[in-house]
Amino acid sequence: MAICLSSASLSLPKQYHPFISTPQILYRKKKVILTCQSSNDPNEDYLLDAPVSVGDGFSFSGGESTPCWWHGEKAKDPIFGLAMAGSSQASTDLFRWFCVESGSPGNPPVILIHGFPSQAYSYRKVLPILSKNYHAIAFDWLGFGFSDKPQPKYGFDYTLKEYEESLESIVNEFSKDKVTLVVQGYFSPVVVKYAKDHQEKLNQLILLNPPLTVKHANLPSTLAVFSNFLLGEIFSQDPLRASDKALTSCGPYKMKEDDAMVYRRPYLISGSSGFALNAISRSMKKELKAYVEEMRRILMDEKWKVETTVCWGQRDRWLSFEGVEDFCKESNHQLITLPMAGHHVQEDCSEEVGNIIAGILRKTTRI
């Protein structure tokens, strides 16, 4: 599996700082260096005419210019080259993943995985809390945020199986040691299915408002509309529907304009974001029920040995709390409720969620 690290510059608001580094190709057996230094050039512009190897912002599979909104001491370069698994249509295709890190690489690793539809940006206030004692990493799934958005049928078809298999590659790239996974929302079943066959790789699993009951297996109308024929293709190209409404209709979250622009940006700079949203919505609508049922079986199976915690925002307008408490009692998993949070708990109560995660990790890791 070949890895190529590269980045392109982008004009950002003053509070954001782009990160750049020299493109290089690294191979599996060589040490992968994923840190880079901040640019000191305030005049760098978005590379509209950049070559495909850099990303022009409009490519379906060549990558797009990637802002780094993270303004900590270190940030990961976009990762090129995580080869897709066998179920992908072209397993040799290489795609770029946008990711950020915070904290010392020598500390216990924790990987923060966003939900559907969202971005790694949703963990921006959680990362610095965890960075004090842990190596915290967040990434954008393919098709979301600032990772690649290949055109469906051209190497990646946005099936849940492909996401499950690609997660193995990215987790292994981030850490060769055991990790803690934190995942929010509708991608939880994907992560649990990955974890089932890699329990030896996990220290902890923390689920933030996952679809746990039979009633949770259907997408809410706000998301299901993106899977509709024609109408879904139109709505998925609308930044306000695809980002603002999808994030604010599921709970009490109120976005500031600066935050809203980060979420909107992928839809403003490339039509590929909308095509990807339409494709993953169709996959979710088709496959989510089976994945939720499988996740329930896995978490209740006596062979499941990973310590698991469910954090639940009780003002979630998409997923009802009914049945969640009973499931956690029956499966013997810890349940932590957040009365003031909605579906995107890391947005509604970011500091509280960060401290909860840190508290859970302290019980099982030596710092």
Protein backbone atom coordinates (compact mmCIF):
# COMPACT_ATOMS: atom_id res chain seq x y z
CA MET A 1 0.00 0.00 0.00
CA ALA A 2 1.68 3.19 -1.14
CA ILE A 3 1.25 6.37 0.84
CA CYS A 4 1.68 9.86 -0.57
CA LEU A 5 1.47 12.92 1.62
CA SER A 6 0.64 16.19 -0.06
CA SER A 7 -1.36 19.35 0.47
CA ALA A 8 -2.55 22.43 -1.37
CA SER A 9 -2.89 25.95 -0.03
CA LEU A 10 -6.15 27.76 0.53
CA SER A 11 -7.13 31.24 1.70
CA LEU A 12 -8.86 30.96 5.07
CA PRO A 13 -10.29 33.35 7.65
CA LYS A 14 -7.76 34.80 10.05
CA GLN A 15 -8.57 32.32 12.79
CA TYR A 16 -7.59 29.39 10.56
CA HIS A 17 -4.06 28.55 9.49
CA PRO A 18 -3.25 26.43 6.41
CA PHE A 19 -0.56 23.82 6.74
CA ILE A 20 1.72 22.84 3.89
CA SER A 21 4.56 20.41 3.34
CA THR A 22 6.68 19.05 0.53
CA PRO A 23 4.93 16.23 -1.37
CA GLN A 24 6.59 12.90 -0.91
CA ILE A 25 5.91 9.24 -1.53
CA LEU A 26 6.26 6.82 1.34
CA TYR A 27 5.90 3.07 1.26
CA ARG A 28 4.41 0.70 3.78
CA LYS A 29 7.68 -0.52 5.23
CA LYS A 30 9.06 2.95 5.72
CA LYS A 31 8.28 5.22 8.63
CA VAL A 32 5.27 7.40 7.87
CA ILE A 33 5.70 10.97 9.08
CA LEU A 34 2.31 12.62 9.35
CA THR A 35 3.18 15.97 10.89
CA CYS A 36 3.88 19.23 9.10
CA GLN A 37 4.73 22.84 9.81
CA SER A 38 2.47 25.85 9.50
CA SER A 39 2.85 28.14 6.52
CA ASN A 40 4.14 31.64 7.19
CA ASP A 41 2.94 33.03 3.88
CA PRO A 42 -0.39 34.91 4.37
CA ASN A 43 -0.73 35.52 0.62
CA GLU A 44 -1.17 31.91 -0.44
CA ASP A 45 -4.27 31.49 -2.58
CA TYR A 46 -6.54 28.64 -3.49
CA LEU A 47 -4.94 26.75 -6.37
CA LEU A 48 -7.75 26.79 -8.92
CA ASP A 49 -5.42 25.75 -11.71
CA ALA A 50 -3.31 23.31 -9.72
CA PRO A 51 -2.34 20.00 -11.33
CA VAL A 52 -4.37 16.91 -10.48
CA SER A 53 -1.55 15.68 -8.25
CA VAL A 54 -2.23 18.66 -6.00
CA GLY A 55 -5.98 18.90 -6.45
CA ASP A 56 -7.97 21.53 -8.28
CA GLY A 57 -11.08 21.54 -6.08
CA PHE A 58 -13.36 20.16 -8.78
CA SER A 59 -11.97 16.70 -9.45
CA PHE A 60 -14.08 13.62 -8.80
CA SER A 61 -11.11 11.41 -7.98
CA GLY A 62 -7.96 13.49 -8.29
CA GLY A 63 -8.46 15.19 -4.94
CA GLU A 64 -9.40 18.71 -4.00
CA SER A 65 -7.51 21.51 -2.31
CA THR A 66 -7.65 20.85 1.39
CA PRO A 67 -7.84 23.52 4.06
CA CYS A 68 -6.57 22.64 7.49
CA TRP A 69 -8.93 24.34 9.91
CA TRP A 70 -7.02 22.91 12.84
CA HIS A 71 -4.75 25.54 14.36
CA GLY A 72 -2.93 23.46 16.96
CA GLU A 73 0.79 22.86 17.02
CA LYS A 74 0.60 19.88 14.66
CA ALA A 75 -1.68 18.77 11.88
CA LYS A 76 -1.62 15.76 9.66
CA ASP A 77 -1.16 16.22 5.95
CA PRO A 78 -3.88 14.80 3.75
CA ILE A 79 -3.12 11.10 3.34
CA PHE A 80 -2.87 9.79 -0.19
CA GLY A 81 -2.78 6.15 -0.94
CA LEU A 82 -4.96 4.07 1.37
CA ALA A 83 -5.84 1.29 -1.01
CA MET A 84 -9.44 0.10 -1.00
CA ALA A 85 -10.30 -3.46 -0.03
CA GLY A 86 -11.54 -6.26 -2.26
CA SER A 87 -15.19 -5.21 -2.36
CA SER A 88 -14.23 -1.85 -3.85
CA GLN A 89 -14.63 -1.63 -7.61
CA ALA A 90 -10.96 -0.87 -8.13
CA SER A 91 -8.97 -1.91 -5.09
CA THR A 92 -5.77 -0.36 -6.44
CA ASP A 93 -7.21 3.16 -6.51
CA LEU A 94 -5.56 5.59 -4.12
CA PHE A 95 -7.56 8.29 -2.38
CA ARG A 96 -6.71 11.22 -0.16
CA TRP A 97 -8.00 11.38 3.41
CA PHE A 98 -8.07 14.66 5.30
CA CYS A 99 -7.03 14.29 8.94
CA VAL A 100 -5.75 16.28 11.91
CA GLU A 101 -3.93 15.28 15.05
CA SER A 102 -3.31 16.81 18.45
CA GLY A 103 -1.09 15.71 21.31
CA SER A 104 2.13 13.73 21.51
CA PRO A 105 2.40 10.66 19.22
CA GLY A 106 3.91 8.87 22.21
CA ASN A 107 0.63 9.09 24.15
CA PRO A 108 -2.20 6.53 23.90
CA PRO A 109 -4.02 7.06 20.57
CA VAL A 110 -7.71 7.91 20.30
CA ILE A 111 -9.37 8.21 16.89
CA LEU A 112 -12.45 10.44 16.57
CA ILE A 113 -14.83 9.40 13.79
CA HIS A 114 -17.56 11.74 12.60
CA GLY A 115 -21.10 10.77 11.70
CA PHE A 116 -23.38 11.19 8.70
CA PRO A 117 -23.41 13.87 7.41
CA SER A 118 -20.61 15.72 9.17
CA GLN A 119 -16.86 16.29 9.22
CA ALA A 120 -13.84 15.92 11.46
CA TYR A 121 -14.43 19.61 12.15
CA SER A 122 -17.18 18.58 14.57
CA TYR A 123 -14.44 17.47 16.99
CA ARG A 124 -12.49 20.74 16.84
CA LYS A 125 -13.20 21.56 20.52
CA VAL A 126 -12.77 17.98 21.71
CA LEU A 127 -9.29 17.55 20.22
CA PRO A 128 -7.48 20.08 22.48
CA ILE A 129 -9.06 18.56 25.60
CA LEU A 130 -7.84 15.08 24.72
CA SER A 131 -4.45 16.30 23.52
CA LYS A 132 -3.28 16.96 27.08
CA ASN A 133 -2.79 13.26 27.76
CA TYR A 134 -3.58 11.46 24.50
CA HIS A 135 -2.69 11.40 20.84
CA ALA A 136 -6.03 12.51 19.38
CA ILE A 137 -6.73 12.07 15.67
CA ALA A 138 -9.80 12.97 13.60
CA PHE A 139 -10.39 12.36 9.89
CA ASP A 140 -12.99 12.96 7.19
CA TRP A 141 -14.54 9.88 5.63
CA LEU A 142 -14.24 9.62 1.86
CA GLY A 143 -17.07 11.69 0.40
CA PHE A 144 -17.17 14.09 3.35
CA GLY A 145 -15.43 17.27 4.39
CA PHE A 146 -12.06 17.66 2.69
CA SER A 147 -11.24 14.05 1.88
CA ASP A 148 -11.52 12.81 -1.70
CA LYS A 149 -14.95 12.33 -3.24
CA PRO A 150 -14.51 9.87 -6.10
CA GLN A 151 -17.33 9.64 -8.58
CA PRO A 152 -19.51 6.57 -7.84
CA LYS A 153 -18.59 3.56 -9.98
CA TYR A 154 -15.02 4.86 -10.34
CA GLY A 155 -13.16 3.02 -7.60
CA PHE A 156 -15.41 3.73 -4.63
CA ASP A 157 -19.16 3.27 -4.60
CA TYR A 158 -19.93 4.52 -1.07
CA THR A 159 -21.28 1.22 0.22
CA LEU A 160 -21.14 0.59 3.96
CA LYS A 161 -18.99 -2.46 3.27
CA GLU A 162 -16.41 -0.29 1.54
CA TYR A 163 -16.37 2.13 4.47
CA GLU A 164 -15.94 -0.78 6.86
CA GLU A 165 -12.98 -2.16 4.92
CA SER A 166 -11.33 1.21 4.35
CA LEU A 167 -11.46 1.86 8.11
CA GLU A 168 -9.00 -0.99 8.65
CA SER A 169 -6.46 0.68 6.38
CA ILE A 170 -6.75 4.09 7.99
CA VAL A 171 -6.64 2.79 11.58
CA ASN A 172 -3.50 0.81 10.79
CA GLU A 173 -1.92 3.88 9.21
CA PHE A 174 -2.64 5.99 12.28
CA SER A 175 -1.32 3.54 14.84
CA LYS A 176 0.37 0.16 14.99
CA ASP A 177 -0.65 -0.16 18.64
CA LYS A 178 -4.04 -0.55 20.30
CA VAL A 179 -6.38 2.42 19.87
CA THR A 180 -9.59 3.82 21.29
CA LEU A 181 -12.30 4.54 18.74
CA VAL A 182 -14.93 7.24 19.25
CA VAL A 183 -17.69 7.30 16.63
CA GLN A 184 -20.82 9.38 16.30
CA GLY A 185 -24.19 8.66 14.75
CA TYR A 186 -24.97 6.60 11.67
CA PHE A 187 -21.41 5.44 11.04
CA SER A 188 -21.42 3.58 14.38
CA PRO A 189 -22.64 0.27 12.86
CA VAL A 190 -19.80 0.43 10.32
CA VAL A 191 -17.22 0.90 13.06
CA VAL A 192 -18.70 -1.84 15.25
CA LYS A 193 -18.59 -4.33 12.36
CA TYR A 194 -14.92 -3.41 11.80
CA ALA A 195 -14.23 -3.76 15.52
CA LYS A 196 -15.84 -7.21 15.69
CA ASP A 197 -12.94 -8.73 13.75
CA HIS A 198 -10.26 -6.51 15.29
CA GLN A 199 -11.01 -6.60 18.99
CA GLU A 200 -7.32 -7.10 19.74
CA LYS A 201 -6.68 -3.68 18.20
CA LEU A 202 -9.06 -1.77 20.50
CA ASN A 203 -8.67 -0.44 24.02
CA GLN A 204 -12.11 1.16 24.19
CA LEU A 205 -15.12 1.84 21.99
CA ILE A 206 -17.18 4.96 22.65
CA LEU A 207 -20.43 5.43 20.73
CA LEU A 208 -22.04 8.88 20.52
CA ASN A 209 -25.78 8.67 19.77
CA PRO A 210 -25.56 5.50 17.67
CA PRO A 211 -28.63 3.90 16.03
CA LEU A 212 -29.18 1.15 18.59
CA THR A 213 -32.82 0.12 18.26
CA VAL A 214 -34.96 -1.26 15.45
CA LYS A 215 -36.68 2.13 15.13
CA HIS A 216 -33.31 3.77 14.56
CA ALA A 217 -32.70 1.76 11.38
CA ASN A 218 -34.60 4.23 9.18
CA LEU A 219 -33.02 7.50 8.14
CA PRO A 220 -34.89 10.65 9.23
CA SER A 221 -36.65 12.52 6.44
CA THR A 222 -34.00 15.26 6.52
CA LEU A 223 -31.39 12.72 5.38
CA ALA A 224 -33.60 10.30 3.44
CA VAL A 225 -34.50 13.04 0.97
CA PHE A 226 -30.91 13.01 -0.36
CA SER A 227 -31.44 9.45 -1.59
CA ASN A 228 -34.50 10.29 -3.67
CA PHE A 229 -34.37 10.02 -7.45
CA LEU A 230 -33.81 13.46 -9.04
CA LEU A 231 -34.99 15.41 -5.98
CA GLY A 232 -32.15 13.97 -3.92
CA GLU A 233 -29.63 14.86 -6.60
CA ILE A 234 -30.88 18.44 -6.56
CA PHE A 235 -31.03 18.85 -2.78
CA SER A 236 -27.60 17.27 -2.25
CA GLN A 237 -26.07 20.13 -4.27
CA ASP A 238 -27.61 22.75 -1.97
CA PRO A 239 -25.07 23.72 0.73
CA LEU A 240 -27.79 24.98 3.07
CA ARG A 241 -29.71 21.70 2.93
CA ALA A 242 -26.66 19.46 2.84
CA SER A 243 -24.83 21.10 5.74
CA ASP A 244 -26.80 23.70 7.69
CA LYS A 245 -30.18 21.97 7.82
CA ALA A 246 -28.69 18.51 8.30
CA LEU A 247 -26.73 19.71 11.32
CA THR A 248 -29.33 21.94 12.96
CA SER A 249 -32.52 19.91 12.47
CA CYS A 250 -31.42 17.05 14.74
CA GLY A 251 -31.08 18.91 18.02
CA PRO A 252 -30.51 22.27 19.74
CA TYR A 253 -27.26 23.03 17.90
CA LYS A 254 -26.98 26.60 16.64
CA MET A 255 -24.11 27.21 14.23
CA LYS A 256 -22.02 30.33 14.12
CA GLU A 257 -21.46 31.66 10.62
CA ASP A 258 -17.73 30.91 10.69
CA ASP A 259 -18.45 27.28 11.58
CA ALA A 260 -21.23 27.05 9.00
CA MET A 261 -18.83 28.15 6.26
CA VAL A 262 -16.42 25.33 7.08
CA TYR A 263 -19.23 22.80 6.75
CA ARG A 264 -20.55 24.45 3.56
CA ARG A 265 -17.17 24.86 1.86
CA PRO A 266 -16.94 21.35 0.34
CA TYR A 267 -20.34 21.87 -1.32
CA LEU A 268 -19.40 25.36 -2.51
CA ILE A 269 -16.11 24.40 -4.16
CA SER A 270 -17.09 21.11 -5.79
CA GLY A 271 -20.16 19.37 -7.14
CA SER A 272 -18.53 16.08 -6.17
CA SER A 273 -19.56 16.68 -2.54
CA GLY A 274 -23.22 16.59 -3.53
CA PHE A 275 -22.78 13.50 -5.71
CA ALA A 276 -21.06 11.74 -2.82
CA LEU A 277 -23.83 12.73 -0.39
CA ASN A 278 -26.44 11.38 -2.79
CA ALA A 279 -24.54 8.10 -3.16
CA ILE A 280 -23.95 7.49 0.55
CA SER A 281 -27.58 8.41 1.33
CA ARG A 282 -28.74 5.70 -1.06
CA SER A 283 -26.40 3.20 0.54
CA MET A 284 -27.54 4.16 4.02
CA LYS A 285 -31.18 3.83 3.06
CA LYS A 286 -30.55 0.42 1.54
CA GLU A 287 -28.08 -1.09 4.03
CA LEU A 288 -28.57 0.65 7.38
CA LYS A 289 -31.24 -1.74 8.73
CA ALA A 290 -29.04 -4.82 8.27
CA TYR A 291 -26.03 -3.03 9.76
CA VAL A 292 -27.99 -1.88 12.82
CA GLU A 293 -29.27 -5.41 13.40
CA GLU A 294 -25.75 -6.79 13.10
CA MET A 295 -24.39 -4.13 15.47
CA ARG A 296 -26.99 -5.08 18.07
CA ARG A 297 -26.00 -8.74 17.80
CA ILE A 298 -22.30 -7.95 18.09
CA LEU A 299 -22.67 -5.71 21.14
CA MET A 300 -24.86 -8.27 22.92
CA ASP A 301 -22.69 -11.26 22.04
CA GLU A 302 -20.72 -12.82 24.89
CA LYS A 303 -17.72 -12.94 22.53
CA TRP A 304 -17.63 -9.14 22.49
CA LYS A 305 -14.77 -8.24 24.85
CA VAL A 306 -14.18 -4.54 24.09
CA GLU A 307 -15.22 -2.19 26.88
CA THR A 308 -17.98 -0.12 25.33
CA THR A 309 -19.61 3.14 26.44
CA VAL A 310 -22.69 4.77 24.94
CA CYS A 311 -22.96 8.57 25.32
CA TRP A 312 -26.44 9.83 24.53
CA GLY A 313 -27.65 13.36 23.86
CA GLN A 314 -31.25 13.27 25.06
CA ARG A 315 -32.44 16.10 22.82
CA ASP A 316 -31.77 14.07 19.68
CA ARG A 317 -34.62 14.72 17.24
CA TRP A 318 -33.57 11.93 14.88
CA LEU A 319 -33.02 9.00 17.24
CA SER A 320 -35.41 8.40 20.12
CA PHE A 321 -34.01 7.55 23.56
CA GLU A 322 -36.73 4.91 23.92
CA GLY A 323 -35.12 1.47 24.16
CA VAL A 324 -31.55 2.77 24.51
CA GLU A 325 -31.38 2.37 28.28
CA ASP A 326 -32.86 -1.13 28.12
CA PHE A 327 -30.36 -2.15 25.44
CA CYS A 328 -27.38 -0.90 27.48
CA LYS A 329 -28.59 -2.74 30.60
CA GLU A 330 -29.16 -5.97 28.69
CA SER A 331 -25.81 -5.81 26.94
CA ASN A 332 -23.99 -4.61 30.08
CA HIS A 333 -22.56 -1.49 28.45
CA GLN A 334 -22.12 1.81 30.27
CA LEU A 335 -24.62 4.55 29.38
CA ILE A 336 -23.87 8.23 29.94
CA THR A 337 -26.64 10.71 29.17
CA LEU A 338 -26.23 14.37 28.22
CA PRO A 339 -29.59 16.10 28.85
CA MET A 340 -28.78 19.27 26.88
CA ALA A 341 -27.23 17.67 23.79
CA GLY A 342 -28.84 16.55 20.56
CA HIS A 343 -27.71 14.08 17.90
CA HIS A 344 -24.34 15.78 17.32
CA VAL A 345 -23.27 15.70 20.95
CA GLN A 346 -19.74 16.84 20.16
CA GLU A 347 -21.18 20.07 18.73
CA ASP A 348 -23.82 20.73 21.40
CA CYS A 349 -21.67 19.91 24.45
CA SER A 350 -18.13 19.70 23.12
CA GLU A 351 -16.29 20.43 26.37
CA GLU A 352 -18.46 18.02 28.34
CA VAL A 353 -18.00 15.29 25.73
CA GLY A 354 -14.23 15.85 25.67
CA ASN A 355 -14.03 15.49 29.45
CA ILE A 356 -16.26 12.40 29.40
CA ILE A 357 -14.02 10.71 26.83
CA ALA A 358 -10.90 11.66 28.80
CA GLY A 359 -12.48 10.28 31.98
CA ILE A 360 -13.30 6.97 30.31
CA LEU A 361 -9.78 6.66 28.92
CA ARG A 362 -8.17 7.38 32.28
CA LYS A 363 -9.76 4.25 33.72
CA THR A 364 -8.07 1.91 31.25
CA THR A 365 -4.89 3.62 30.06
CA ARG A 366 -1.71 4.50 31.89
CA ILE A 367 -0.67 8.09 31.31
